[in-house]
Each structure stands twice: as structure tokens, then as C-alpha cells.
Amino acid sequence: MQKLFVLAAVVLFVPLALGVTPRFTGPELINDNGTPIDVGYYGAPTMYDWNQDSTKDLILGQYDSGKIRLYLNQGPDTAPAFNGYTFFQSGGVDVTLPYG
């Protein structure tokens, strides 16, 4: 833990000591066929190569329903492209996790 603190201090304070102002950018919206993906609040995204095609797909939990969306990546990892989603299912029924 102490090493992590020292590393964070170096990363944050050395640029300031050298007169370099850190620049932080805001979050980046991820689009699904040109429309920003929105699952309400407290989305829980992760990237994983679900279909083993060597590109990472987007797996996204929904806080208000407990369902899990799968967006298959149709572009490279450097510029992911999504076109619709499916819900995770088991036996033809949507999988839900505790939510709310």
C-alpha cells in the first residue's frame, strides 16, 4: 500500500514540480450504431473477447433491472464499433443478477 501511495505521489507531483500542468479529460461516450449507450445509472461495463474473434466485446450490467447486455465488437480494439446488443440468457430466459 505504501508503494502505491509513493507511486501516485510521483505521478501527480513530479509534473507539477517541473511546471507541467496535468490535463484530465472527461468520460468518453461509447456509441451503438451512432447512438450513445445508456443503461441508466450505475452501469457496470467490462471489455472481454466473448466470441473469441480477437476483439474485445462490451459486457454491460444494468442497475435498474439486473440484466446483462452483450455488445459484440465489429471493429478493432482501437476503435470499437457496436450494432445492437443481446441480453445474456440461460435456457432461453434472460439472466438477472441482484440489483437496486
PDB file of N, CA and C in Angstrom:
ATOM      1  N   MET A   1       0.823  -1.182   0.000  1.00  0.00           N
ATOM      2  CA  MET A   1       0.000   0.000   0.000  1.00  0.00           C
ATOM      3  C   MET A   1       0.869   1.249   0.000  1.00  0.00           C
ATOM      4  N   GLN A   2       1.963   1.208   0.767  1.00  0.00           N
ATOM      5  CA  GLN A   2       2.847   2.362   0.844  1.00  0.00           C
ATOM      6  C   GLN A   2       3.501   2.621  -0.512  1.00  0.00           C
ATOM      7  N   LYS A   3       3.865   1.562  -1.236  1.00  0.00           N
ATOM      8  CA  LYS A   3       4.458   1.722  -2.562  1.00  0.00           C
ATOM      9  C   LYS A   3       3.474   2.370  -3.525  1.00  0.00           C
ATOM     10  N   LEU A   4       2.200   1.991  -3.427  1.00  0.00           N
ATOM     11  CA  LEU A   4       1.172   2.568  -4.274  1.00  0.00           C
ATOM     12  C   LEU A   4       1.032   4.064  -4.004  1.00  0.00           C
ATOM     13  N   PHE A   5       1.065   4.448  -2.749  1.00  0.00           N
ATOM     14  CA  PHE A   5       0.962   5.858  -2.379  1.00  0.00           C
ATOM     15  C   PHE A   5       2.146   6.648  -2.935  1.00  0.00           C
ATOM     16  N   VAL A   6       3.345   6.102  -2.805  1.00  0.00           N
ATOM     17  CA  VAL A   6       4.545   6.772  -3.313  1.00  0.00           C
ATOM     18  C   VAL A   6       4.462   6.918  -4.830  1.00  0.00           C
ATOM     19  N   LEU A   7       4.028   5.869  -5.521  1.00  0.00           N
ATOM     20  CA  LEU A   7       3.896   5.918  -6.970  1.00  0.00           C
ATOM     21  C   LEU A   7       2.877   6.987  -7.381  1.00  0.00           C
ATOM     22  N   ALA A   8       1.744   7.030  -6.703  1.00  0.00           N
ATOM     23  CA  ALA A   8       0.727   8.038  -7.016  1.00  0.00           C
ATOM     24  C   ALA A   8       1.267   9.440  -6.777  1.00  0.00           C
ATOM     25  N   ALA A   9       2.012   9.629  -5.706  1.00  0.00           N
ATOM     26  CA  ALA A   9       2.589  10.949  -5.409  1.00  0.00           C
ATOM     27  C   ALA A   9       3.571  11.367  -6.496  1.00  0.00           C
ATOM     28  N   VAL A  10       4.396  10.442  -6.952  1.00  0.00           N
ATOM     29  CA  VAL A  10       5.369  10.756  -8.007  1.00  0.00           C
ATOM     30  C   VAL A  10       4.647  11.125  -9.296  1.00  0.00           C
ATOM     31  N   VAL A  11       3.665  10.327  -9.669  1.00  0.00           N
ATOM     32  CA  VAL A  11       2.934  10.570 -10.911  1.00  0.00           C
ATOM     33  C   VAL A  11       2.212  11.915 -10.869  1.00  0.00           C
ATOM     34  N   LEU A  12       1.668  12.285  -9.730  1.00  0.00           N
ATOM     35  CA  LEU A  12       0.907  13.527  -9.627  1.00  0.00           C
ATOM     36  C   LEU A  12       1.769  14.762  -9.382  1.00  0.00           C
ATOM     37  N   PHE A  13       2.810  14.646  -8.578  1.00  0.00           N
ATOM     38  CA  PHE A  13       3.532  15.838  -8.146  1.00  0.00           C
ATOM     39  C   PHE A  13       4.783  16.165  -8.954  1.00  0.00           C
ATOM     40  N   VAL A  14       5.417  15.185  -9.579  1.00  0.00           N
ATOM     41  CA  VAL A  14       6.597  15.485 -10.395  1.00  0.00           C
ATOM     42  C   VAL A  14       6.239  16.414 -11.557  1.00  0.00           C
ATOM     43  N   PRO A  15       5.152  16.165 -12.298  1.00  0.00           N
ATOM     44  CA  PRO A  15       4.811  17.111 -13.366  1.00  0.00           C
ATOM     45  C   PRO A  15       4.576  18.527 -12.842  1.00  0.00           C
ATOM     46  N   LEU A  16       3.965  18.643 -11.665  1.00  0.00           N
ATOM     47  CA  LEU A  16       3.733  19.975 -11.095  1.00  0.00           C
ATOM     48  C   LEU A  16       5.053  20.653 -10.736  1.00  0.00           C
ATOM     49  N   ALA A  17       5.987  19.884 -10.201  1.00  0.00           N
ATOM     50  CA  ALA A  17       7.290  20.437  -9.840  1.00  0.00           C
ATOM     51  C   ALA A  17       8.065  20.886 -11.080  1.00  0.00           C
ATOM     52  N   LEU A  18       7.829  20.244 -12.196  1.00  0.00           N
ATOM     53  CA  LEU A  18       8.509  20.604 -13.442  1.00  0.00           C
ATOM     54  C   LEU A  18       7.756  21.686 -14.212  1.00  0.00           C
ATOM     55  N   GLY A  19       6.675  22.173 -13.650  1.00  0.00           N
ATOM     56  CA  GLY A  19       5.905  23.233 -14.293  1.00  0.00           C
ATOM     57  C   GLY A  19       4.941  22.736 -15.355  1.00  0.00           C
ATOM     58  N   VAL A  20       4.664  21.445 -15.369  1.00  0.00           N
ATOM     59  CA  VAL A  20       3.723  20.890 -16.329  1.00  0.00           C
ATOM     60  C   VAL A  20       2.375  20.725 -15.641  1.00  0.00           C
ATOM     61  N   THR A  21       1.349  21.274 -16.234  1.00  0.00           N
ATOM     62  CA  THR A  21       0.016  21.163 -15.660  1.00  0.00           C
ATOM     63  C   THR A  21      -0.654  19.894 -16.171  1.00  0.00           C
ATOM     64  N   PRO A  22      -1.102  19.017 -15.260  1.00  0.00           N
ATOM     65  CA  PRO A  22      -1.782  17.800 -15.730  1.00  0.00           C
ATOM     66  C   PRO A  22      -3.100  18.160 -16.403  1.00  0.00           C
ATOM     67  N   ARG A  23      -3.439  17.410 -17.439  1.00  0.00           N
ATOM     68  CA  ARG A  23      -4.710  17.625 -18.139  1.00  0.00           C
ATOM     69  C   ARG A  23      -5.557  16.374 -18.005  1.00  0.00           C
ATOM     70  N   PHE A  24      -6.735  16.562 -17.475  1.00  0.00           N
ATOM     71  CA  PHE A  24      -7.664  15.452 -17.314  1.00  0.00           C
ATOM     72  C   PHE A  24      -8.786  15.640 -18.318  1.00  0.00           C
ATOM     73  N   THR A  25      -9.222  14.565 -18.911  1.00  0.00           N
ATOM     74  CA  THR A  25     -10.328  14.648 -19.850  1.00  0.00           C
ATOM     75  C   THR A  25     -11.545  13.979 -19.234  1.00  0.00           C
ATOM     76  N   GLY A  26     -12.696  14.340 -19.736  1.00  0.00           N
ATOM     77  CA  GLY A  26     -13.938  13.767 -19.231  1.00  0.00           C
ATOM     78  C   GLY A  26     -14.161  12.369 -19.764  1.00  0.00           C
ATOM     79  N   PRO A  27     -15.240  11.749 -19.357  1.00  0.00           N
ATOM     80  CA  PRO A  27     -15.542  10.405 -19.842  1.00  0.00           C
ATOM     81  C   PRO A  27     -15.829  10.435 -21.339  1.00  0.00           C
ATOM     82  N   GLU A  28     -15.625   9.317 -21.971  1.00  0.00           N
ATOM     83  CA  GLU A  28     -15.873   9.197 -23.403  1.00  0.00           C
ATOM     84  C   GLU A  28     -17.109   8.338 -23.610  1.00  0.00           C
ATOM     85  N   LEU A  29     -18.069   8.859 -24.378  1.00  0.00           N
ATOM     86  CA  LEU A  29     -19.276   8.095 -24.664  1.00  0.00           C
ATOM     87  C   LEU A  29     -18.954   6.979 -25.646  1.00  0.00           C
ATOM     88  N   ILE A  30     -19.577   5.845 -25.448  1.00  0.00           N
ATOM     89  CA  ILE A  30     -19.440   4.724 -26.366  1.00  0.00           C
ATOM     90  C   ILE A  30     -20.750   4.613 -27.121  1.00  0.00           C
ATOM     91  N   ASN A  31     -20.653   4.550 -28.433  1.00  0.00           N
ATOM     92  CA  ASN A  31     -21.846   4.537 -29.277  1.00  0.00           C
ATOM     93  C   ASN A  31     -22.212   3.136 -29.730  1.00  0.00           C
ATOM     94  N   ASP A  32     -23.494   2.938 -29.917  1.00  0.00           N
ATOM     95  CA  ASP A  32     -24.042   1.731 -30.516  1.00  0.00           C
ATOM     96  C   ASP A  32     -24.742   2.179 -31.783  1.00  0.00           C
ATOM     97  N   ASN A  33     -24.116   1.939 -32.932  1.00  0.00           N
ATOM     98  CA  ASN A  33     -24.666   2.339 -34.225  1.00  0.00           C
ATOM     99  C   ASN A  33     -24.969   3.837 -34.261  1.00  0.00           C
ATOM    100  N   GLY A  34     -24.046   4.645 -33.712  1.00  0.00           N
ATOM    101  CA  GLY A  34     -24.164   6.097 -33.756  1.00  0.00           C
ATOM    102  C   GLY A  34     -24.917   6.731 -32.602  1.00  0.00           C
ATOM    103  N   THR A  35     -25.506   5.937 -31.723  1.00  0.00           N
ATOM    104  CA  THR A  35     -26.261   6.452 -30.578  1.00  0.00           C
ATOM    105  C   THR A  35     -25.531   6.092 -29.290  1.00  0.00           C
ATOM    106  N   PRO A  36     -25.328   7.073 -28.378  1.00  0.00           N
ATOM    107  CA  PRO A  36     -24.642   6.753 -27.119  1.00  0.00           C
ATOM    108  C   PRO A  36     -25.367   5.651 -26.333  1.00  0.00           C
ATOM    109  N   ILE A  37     -24.591   4.707 -25.804  1.00  0.00           N
ATOM    110  CA  ILE A  37     -25.154   3.629 -24.994  1.00  0.00           C
ATOM    111  C   ILE A  37     -25.560   4.208 -23.641  1.00  0.00           C
ATOM    112  N   ASP A  38     -26.785   3.915 -23.219  1.00  0.00           N
ATOM    113  CA  ASP A  38     -27.297   4.424 -21.947  1.00  0.00           C
ATOM    114  C   ASP A  38     -28.101   3.323 -21.271  1.00  0.00           C
ATOM    115  N   VAL A  39     -27.630   2.862 -20.122  1.00  0.00           N
ATOM    116  CA  VAL A  39     -28.371   1.856 -19.358  1.00  0.00           C
ATOM    117  C   VAL A  39     -28.898   2.452 -18.059  1.00  0.00           C
ATOM    118  N   GLY A  40     -29.064   3.753 -18.050  1.00  0.00           N
ATOM    119  CA  GLY A  40     -29.489   4.413 -16.821  1.00  0.00           C
ATOM    120  C   GLY A  40     -28.265   4.757 -16.001  1.00  0.00           C
ATOM    121  N   TYR A  41     -28.378   4.655 -14.715  1.00  0.00           N
ATOM    122  CA  TYR A  41     -27.262   5.000 -13.851  1.00  0.00           C
ATOM    123  C   TYR A  41     -26.590   3.739 -13.311  1.00  0.00           C
ATOM    124  N   TYR A  42     -25.371   3.901 -12.843  1.00  0.00           N
ATOM    125  CA  TYR A  42     -24.566   2.818 -12.264  1.00  0.00           C
ATOM    126  C   TYR A  42     -24.347   1.656 -13.231  1.00  0.00           C
ATOM    127  N   GLY A  43     -24.081   1.961 -14.507  1.00  0.00           N
ATOM    128  CA  GLY A  43     -23.730   0.904 -15.454  1.00  0.00           C
ATOM    129  C   GLY A  43     -22.440   0.229 -15.005  1.00  0.00           C
ATOM    130  N   ALA A  44     -22.303  -1.032 -15.291  1.00  0.00           N
ATOM    131  CA  ALA A  44     -21.111  -1.779 -14.884  1.00  0.00           C
ATOM    132  C   ALA A  44     -20.484  -2.414 -16.124  1.00  0.00           C
ATOM    133  N   PRO A  45     -19.665  -1.643 -16.870  1.00  0.00           N
ATOM    134  CA  PRO A  45     -19.093  -2.178 -18.116  1.00  0.00           C
ATOM    135  C   PRO A  45     -17.799  -2.946 -17.908  1.00  0.00           C
ATOM    136  N   THR A  46     -17.547  -3.885 -18.792  1.00  0.00           N
ATOM    137  CA  THR A  46     -16.252  -4.553 -18.877  1.00  0.00           C
ATOM    138  C   THR A  46     -16.041  -4.962 -20.325  1.00  0.00           C
ATOM    139  N   MET A  47     -14.781  -5.039 -20.725  1.00  0.00           N
ATOM    140  CA  MET A  47     -14.445  -5.465 -22.088  1.00  0.00           C
ATOM    141  C   MET A  47     -13.845  -6.870 -22.001  1.00  0.00           C
ATOM    142  N   TYR A  48     -14.338  -7.766 -22.854  1.00  0.00           N
ATOM    143  CA  TYR A  48     -13.886  -9.155 -22.858  1.00  0.00           C
ATOM    144  C   TYR A  48     -14.171  -9.746 -24.236  1.00  0.00           C
ATOM    145  N   ASP A  49     -13.265 -10.544 -24.746  1.00  0.00           N
ATOM    146  CA  ASP A  49     -13.467 -11.178 -26.052  1.00  0.00           C
ATOM    147  C   ASP A  49     -14.427 -12.352 -25.889  1.00  0.00           C
ATOM    148  N   TRP A  50     -15.710 -12.050 -25.854  1.00  0.00           N
ATOM    149  CA  TRP A  50     -16.745 -13.041 -25.578  1.00  0.00           C
ATOM    150  C   TRP A  50     -16.823 -14.114 -26.663  1.00  0.00           C
ATOM    151  N   ASN A  51     -16.790 -13.703 -27.925  1.00  0.00           N
ATOM    152  CA  ASN A  51     -16.956 -14.662 -29.018  1.00  0.00           C
ATOM    153  C   ASN A  51     -15.629 -15.126 -29.611  1.00  0.00           C
ATOM    154  N   GLN A  52     -14.535 -14.842 -28.943  1.00  0.00           N
ATOM    155  CA  GLN A  52     -13.192 -15.312 -29.292  1.00  0.00           C
ATOM    156  C   GLN A  52     -12.825 -15.019 -30.745  1.00  0.00           C
ATOM    157  N   ASP A  53     -13.089 -13.751 -31.181  1.00  0.00           N
ATOM    158  CA  ASP A  53     -12.710 -13.332 -32.529  1.00  0.00           C
ATOM    159  C   ASP A  53     -11.525 -12.366 -32.503  1.00  0.00           C
ATOM    160  N   SER A  54     -10.815 -12.319 -31.387  1.00  0.00           N
ATOM    161  CA  SER A  54      -9.623 -11.479 -31.177  1.00  0.00           C
ATOM    162  C   SER A  54      -9.925 -10.000 -31.041  1.00  0.00           C
ATOM    163  N   THR A  55     -11.184  -9.622 -30.824  1.00  0.00           N
ATOM    164  CA  THR A  55     -11.533  -8.243 -30.479  1.00  0.00           C
ATOM    165  C   THR A  55     -12.378  -8.271 -29.209  1.00  0.00           C
ATOM    166  N   LYS A  56     -12.196  -7.266 -28.392  1.00  0.00           N
ATOM    167  CA  LYS A  56     -12.911  -7.229 -27.117  1.00  0.00           C
ATOM    168  C   LYS A  56     -14.337  -6.699 -27.312  1.00  0.00           C
ATOM    169  N   ASP A  57     -15.283  -7.429 -26.740  1.00  0.00           N
ATOM    170  CA  ASP A  57     -16.691  -7.073 -26.779  1.00  0.00           C
ATOM    171  C   ASP A  57     -17.049  -6.348 -25.487  1.00  0.00           C
ATOM    172  N   LEU A  58     -18.165  -5.642 -25.489  1.00  0.00           N
ATOM    173  CA  LEU A  58     -18.614  -4.886 -24.325  1.00  0.00           C
ATOM    174  C   LEU A  58     -19.695  -5.666 -23.595  1.00  0.00           C
ATOM    175  N   ILE A  59     -19.461  -5.924 -22.314  1.00  0.00           N
ATOM    176  CA  ILE A  59     -20.443  -6.578 -21.456  1.00  0.00           C
ATOM    177  C   ILE A  59     -20.842  -5.538 -20.419  1.00  0.00           C
ATOM    178  N   LEU A  60     -22.142  -5.298 -20.295  1.00  0.00           N
ATOM    179  CA  LEU A  60     -22.618  -4.157 -19.518  1.00  0.00           C
ATOM    180  C   LEU A  60     -23.802  -4.535 -18.655  1.00  0.00           C
ATOM    181  N   GLY A  61     -23.637  -4.415 -17.342  1.00  0.00           N
ATOM    182  CA  GLY A  61     -24.734  -4.691 -16.414  1.00  0.00           C
ATOM    183  C   GLY A  61     -25.664  -3.498 -16.290  1.00  0.00           C
ATOM    184  N   GLN A  62     -26.923  -3.770 -16.024  1.00  0.00           N
ATOM    185  CA  GLN A  62     -27.934  -2.726 -15.838  1.00  0.00           C
ATOM    186  C   GLN A  62     -28.364  -2.699 -14.378  1.00  0.00           C
ATOM    187  N   TYR A  63     -28.214  -1.569 -13.732  1.00  0.00           N
ATOM    188  CA  TYR A  63     -28.534  -1.432 -12.317  1.00  0.00           C
ATOM    189  C   TYR A  63     -30.033  -1.562 -12.045  1.00  0.00           C
ATOM    190  N   ASP A  64     -30.852  -1.017 -12.942  1.00  0.00           N
ATOM    191  CA  ASP A  64     -32.287  -0.961 -12.643  1.00  0.00           C
ATOM    192  C   ASP A  64     -33.061  -2.232 -12.998  1.00  0.00           C
ATOM    193  N   SER A  65     -32.424  -3.213 -13.656  1.00  0.00           N
ATOM    194  CA  SER A  65     -33.142  -4.448 -13.975  1.00  0.00           C
ATOM    195  C   SER A  65     -32.335  -5.702 -13.669  1.00  0.00           C
ATOM    196  N   GLY A  66     -31.026  -5.551 -13.477  1.00  0.00           N
ATOM    197  CA  GLY A  66     -30.174  -6.698 -13.203  1.00  0.00           C
ATOM    198  C   GLY A  66     -29.830  -7.518 -14.426  1.00  0.00           C
ATOM    199  N   LYS A  67     -30.274  -7.059 -15.609  1.00  0.00           N
ATOM    200  CA  LYS A  67     -29.953  -7.781 -16.840  1.00  0.00           C
ATOM    201  C   LYS A  67     -28.544  -7.425 -17.294  1.00  0.00           C
ATOM    202  N   ILE A  68     -27.977  -8.276 -18.143  1.00  0.00           N
ATOM    203  CA  ILE A  68     -26.616  -8.082 -18.641  1.00  0.00           C
ATOM    204  C   ILE A  68     -26.666  -7.997 -20.156  1.00  0.00           C
ATOM    205  N   ARG A  69     -26.184  -6.870 -20.693  1.00  0.00           N
ATOM    206  CA  ARG A  69     -26.159  -6.674 -22.142  1.00  0.00           C
ATOM    207  C   ARG A  69     -24.815  -7.123 -22.714  1.00  0.00           C
ATOM    208  N   LEU A  70     -24.854  -7.683 -23.911  1.00  0.00           N
ATOM    209  CA  LEU A  70     -23.655  -8.064 -24.644  1.00  0.00           C
ATOM    210  C   LEU A  70     -23.661  -7.337 -25.984  1.00  0.00           C
ATOM    211  N   TYR A  71     -22.661  -6.482 -26.177  1.00  0.00           N
ATOM    212  CA  TYR A  71     -22.454  -5.782 -27.442  1.00  0.00           C
ATOM    213  C   TYR A  71     -21.240  -6.417 -28.114  1.00  0.00           C
ATOM    214  N   LEU A  72     -21.434  -7.060 -29.257  1.00  0.00           N
ATOM    215  CA  LEU A  72     -20.323  -7.676 -29.974  1.00  0.00           C
ATOM    216  C   LEU A  72     -19.592  -6.602 -30.777  1.00  0.00           C
ATOM    217  N   ASN A  73     -18.284  -6.548 -30.625  1.00  0.00           N
ATOM    218  CA  ASN A  73     -17.455  -5.561 -31.292  1.00  0.00           C
ATOM    219  C   ASN A  73     -17.273  -5.939 -32.755  1.00  0.00           C
ATOM    220  N   GLN A  74     -17.590  -5.002 -33.646  1.00  0.00           N
ATOM    221  CA  GLN A  74     -17.440  -5.239 -35.078  1.00  0.00           C
ATOM    222  C   GLN A  74     -16.272  -4.446 -35.655  1.00  0.00           C
ATOM    223  N   GLY A  75     -15.497  -3.798 -34.790  1.00  0.00           N
ATOM    224  CA  GLY A  75     -14.337  -3.030 -35.225  1.00  0.00           C
ATOM    225  C   GLY A  75     -13.103  -3.508 -34.488  1.00  0.00           C
ATOM    226  N   PRO A  76     -11.972  -2.823 -34.713  1.00  0.00           N
ATOM    227  CA  PRO A  76     -10.762  -3.190 -33.971  1.00  0.00           C
ATOM    228  C   PRO A  76     -10.839  -2.693 -32.529  1.00  0.00           C
ATOM    229  N   ASP A  77      -9.987  -3.223 -31.662  1.00  0.00           N
ATOM    230  CA  ASP A  77      -9.989  -2.794 -30.261  1.00  0.00           C
ATOM    231  C   ASP A  77      -9.675  -1.309 -30.119  1.00  0.00           C
ATOM    232  N   THR A  78      -8.918  -0.744 -31.068  1.00  0.00           N
ATOM    233  CA  THR A  78      -8.557   0.674 -31.000  1.00  0.00           C
ATOM    234  C   THR A  78      -9.713   1.584 -31.381  1.00  0.00           C
ATOM    235  N   ALA A  79     -10.704   1.071 -32.083  1.00  0.00           N
ATOM    236  CA  ALA A  79     -11.892   1.845 -32.463  1.00  0.00           C
ATOM    237  C   ALA A  79     -13.098   0.909 -32.479  1.00  0.00           C
ATOM    238  N   PRO A  80     -13.560   0.481 -31.278  1.00  0.00           N
ATOM    239  CA  PRO A  80     -14.666  -0.483 -31.237  1.00  0.00           C
ATOM    240  C   PRO A  80     -15.919   0.056 -31.922  1.00  0.00           C
ATOM    241  N   ALA A  81     -16.658  -0.832 -32.559  1.00  0.00           N
ATOM    242  CA  ALA A  81     -17.917  -0.479 -33.219  1.00  0.00           C
ATOM    243  C   ALA A  81     -18.968  -1.499 -32.806  1.00  0.00           C
ATOM    244  N   PHE A  82     -20.106  -0.994 -32.376  1.00  0.00           N
ATOM    245  CA  PHE A  82     -21.178  -1.871 -31.908  1.00  0.00           C
ATOM    246  C   PHE A  82     -22.440  -1.602 -32.716  1.00  0.00           C
ATOM    247  N   ASN A  83     -23.258  -2.638 -32.906  1.00  0.00           N
ATOM    248  CA  ASN A  83     -24.506  -2.504 -33.648  1.00  0.00           C
ATOM    249  C   ASN A  83     -25.566  -3.374 -32.985  1.00  0.00           C
ATOM    250  N   GLY A  84     -26.107  -2.862 -31.896  1.00  0.00           N
ATOM    251  CA  GLY A  84     -27.133  -3.600 -31.163  1.00  0.00           C
ATOM    252  C   GLY A  84     -26.539  -4.505 -30.095  1.00  0.00           C
ATOM    253  N   TYR A  85     -27.414  -5.039 -29.267  1.00  0.00           N
ATOM    254  CA  TYR A  85     -26.990  -5.903 -28.165  1.00  0.00           C
ATOM    255  C   TYR A  85     -27.988  -7.029 -27.999  1.00  0.00           C
ATOM    256  N   THR A  86     -27.565  -8.028 -27.252  1.00  0.00           N
ATOM    257  CA  THR A  86     -28.456  -9.097 -26.815  1.00  0.00           C
ATOM    258  C   THR A  86     -28.293  -9.207 -25.304  1.00  0.00           C
ATOM    259  N   PHE A  87     -29.313  -9.714 -24.636  1.00  0.00           N
ATOM    260  CA  PHE A  87     -29.205  -9.982 -23.202  1.00  0.00           C
ATOM    261  C   PHE A  87     -28.616 -11.377 -23.012  1.00  0.00           C
ATOM    262  N   PHE A  88     -27.784 -11.528 -21.967  1.00  0.00           N
ATOM    263  CA  PHE A  88     -27.307 -12.867 -21.616  1.00  0.00           C
ATOM    264  C   PHE A  88     -28.526 -13.707 -21.282  1.00  0.00           C
ATOM    265  N   GLN A  89     -28.527 -14.937 -21.776  1.00  0.00           N
ATOM    266  CA  GLN A  89     -29.632 -15.841 -21.500  1.00  0.00           C
ATOM    267  C   GLN A  89     -29.118 -17.208 -21.086  1.00  0.00           C
ATOM    268  N   SER A  90     -29.955 -17.904 -20.355  1.00  0.00           N
ATOM    269  CA  SER A  90     -29.701 -19.288 -19.988  1.00  0.00           C
ATOM    270  C   SER A  90     -31.012 -20.035 -20.172  1.00  0.00           C
ATOM    271  N   GLY A  91     -31.018 -21.029 -21.025  1.00  0.00           N
ATOM    272  CA  GLY A  91     -32.255 -21.778 -21.274  1.00  0.00           C
ATOM    273  C   GLY A  91     -33.345 -20.928 -21.873  1.00  0.00           C
ATOM    274  N   GLY A  92     -32.979 -19.903 -22.663  1.00  0.00           N
ATOM    275  CA  GLY A  92     -33.972 -19.034 -23.298  1.00  0.00           C
ATOM    276  C   GLY A  92     -34.549 -17.963 -22.397  1.00  0.00           C
ATOM    277  N   VAL A  93     -34.022 -17.842 -21.182  1.00  0.00           N
ATOM    278  CA  VAL A  93     -34.521 -16.852 -20.226  1.00  0.00           C
ATOM    279  C   VAL A  93     -33.388 -15.873 -19.918  1.00  0.00           C
ATOM    280  N   ASP A  94     -33.727 -14.558 -19.873  1.00  0.00           N
ATOM    281  CA  ASP A  94     -32.724 -13.555 -19.550  1.00  0.00           C
ATOM    282  C   ASP A  94     -32.124 -13.810 -18.169  1.00  0.00           C
ATOM    283  N   VAL A  95     -30.808 -13.754 -18.093  1.00  0.00           N
ATOM    284  CA  VAL A  95     -30.112 -13.886 -16.818  1.00  0.00           C
ATOM    285  C   VAL A  95     -30.220 -12.556 -16.079  1.00  0.00           C
ATOM    286  N   THR A  96     -30.581 -12.590 -14.822  1.00  0.00           N
ATOM    287  CA  THR A  96     -30.618 -11.374 -13.995  1.00  0.00           C
ATOM    288  C   THR A  96     -29.809 -11.592 -12.722  1.00  0.00           C
ATOM    289  N   LEU A  97     -29.207 -10.514 -12.287  1.00  0.00           N
ATOM    290  CA  LEU A  97     -28.450 -10.512 -11.049  1.00  0.00           C
ATOM    291  C   LEU A  97     -29.140  -9.608 -10.050  1.00  0.00           C
ATOM    292  N   PRO A  98     -28.833  -9.735  -8.748  1.00  0.00           N
ATOM    293  CA  PRO A  98     -29.432  -8.816  -7.776  1.00  0.00           C
ATOM    294  C   PRO A  98     -29.139  -7.369  -8.170  1.00  0.00           C
ATOM    295  N   TYR A  99     -30.081  -6.501  -8.010  1.00  0.00           N
ATOM    296  CA  TYR A  99     -29.932  -5.112  -8.411  1.00  0.00           C
ATOM    297  C   TYR A  99     -30.704  -4.211  -7.467  1.00  0.00           C
ATOM    298  N   GLY A 100     -30.480  -2.890  -7.666  1.00  0.00           N
ATOM    299  CA  GLY A 100     -31.251  -1.896  -6.929  1.00  0.00           C
ATOM    300  C   GLY A 100     -30.731  -1.489  -5.640  1.00  0.00           C
TER     301      GLY A 100
END
